[in-house]
Amino acid sequence: MNLYALIGRMRILSDDEVVHAAERAGRLIIETYLAPNTSFVDLPGFLEEMDPLREFGEACRREVQAIPPH
């Protein structure tokens, strides 16, 4: 529930790109949590291909960079 509350706040303060990236990250986290366990042997490859916050972080960086300096 905390995740949904944070995304709700983002809808007020952030642009659409950040909100959509946050929603996708949230879905990926939940899907990963509900998926079958990964074996230790498969873990290195799994970690390389999954970075649930990468797209969100990049969207946030673009939003901050778009803010004009004072």
Protein backbone atom coordinates (compact mmCIF):
# COMPACT_ATOMS: atom_id res chain seq x y z
CA MET A 1 0.00 0.00 0.00
CA ASN A 2 2.88 2.37 0.68
CA LEU A 3 4.01 1.97 -2.93
CA TYR A 4 0.58 3.01 -4.23
CA ALA A 5 0.50 5.99 -1.87
CA LEU A 6 3.89 7.17 -3.14
CA ILE A 7 2.81 6.82 -6.76
CA GLY A 8 -0.35 8.76 -5.91
CA ARG A 9 1.78 11.62 -4.60
CA MET A 10 3.89 11.48 -7.75
CA ARG A 11 0.74 12.01 -9.81
CA ILE A 12 0.44 15.41 -8.15
CA LEU A 13 4.07 16.49 -8.29
CA SER A 14 5.72 14.69 -11.22
CA ASP A 15 5.27 14.61 -14.95
CA ASP A 16 3.56 11.73 -16.74
CA GLU A 17 6.83 10.04 -17.75
CA VAL A 18 7.91 9.70 -14.11
CA VAL A 19 4.49 8.44 -12.99
CA HIS A 20 4.34 5.81 -15.75
CA ALA A 21 7.88 4.65 -14.96
CA ALA A 22 6.96 4.37 -11.28
CA GLU A 23 3.85 2.34 -12.13
CA ARG A 24 5.88 -0.03 -14.33
CA ALA A 25 8.53 -0.43 -11.61
CA GLY A 26 5.81 -1.18 -9.06
CA ARG A 27 4.23 -3.81 -11.32
CA LEU A 28 7.61 -5.43 -11.96
CA ILE A 29 8.39 -5.57 -8.25
CA ILE A 30 5.03 -7.18 -7.47
CA GLU A 31 5.31 -9.65 -10.38
CA THR A 32 8.82 -10.60 -9.27
CA TYR A 33 7.67 -11.08 -5.70
CA LEU A 34 4.85 -13.37 -6.83
CA ALA A 35 7.00 -15.34 -9.30
CA PRO A 36 8.56 -18.69 -8.41
CA ASN A 37 11.85 -18.49 -6.54
CA THR A 38 15.01 -18.21 -8.60
CA SER A 39 17.82 -20.63 -7.87
CA PHE A 40 21.17 -19.34 -6.69
CA VAL A 41 22.77 -20.52 -9.94
CA ASP A 42 20.36 -18.40 -12.01
CA LEU A 43 20.73 -15.30 -9.86
CA PRO A 44 23.66 -13.52 -11.62
CA GLY A 45 21.94 -13.56 -15.02
CA PHE A 46 18.64 -12.57 -13.46
CA LEU A 47 20.17 -9.53 -11.72
CA GLU A 48 21.86 -8.32 -14.90
CA GLU A 49 18.61 -8.23 -16.87
CA MET A 50 16.39 -6.88 -14.09
CA ASP A 51 16.79 -3.42 -12.66
CA PRO A 52 13.28 -2.41 -11.60
CA LEU A 53 14.23 1.16 -10.75
CA ARG A 54 16.48 2.00 -13.71
CA GLU A 55 13.77 3.42 -16.00
CA PHE A 56 12.19 5.26 -13.07
CA GLY A 57 15.53 6.77 -12.03
CA GLU A 58 16.28 7.89 -15.57
CA ALA A 59 12.83 9.49 -15.90
CA CYS A 60 13.38 11.33 -12.62
CA ARG A 61 16.79 12.57 -13.78
CA ARG A 62 15.30 13.91 -17.03
CA GLU A 63 12.57 15.68 -15.07
CA VAL A 64 15.08 17.31 -12.71
CA GLN A 65 17.32 18.34 -15.61
CA ALA A 66 14.33 19.99 -17.32
CA ILE A 67 13.78 22.32 -14.34
CA PRO A 68 15.18 25.73 -15.28
CA PRO A 69 17.88 27.04 -12.93
CA HIS A 70 17.01 30.03 -10.76
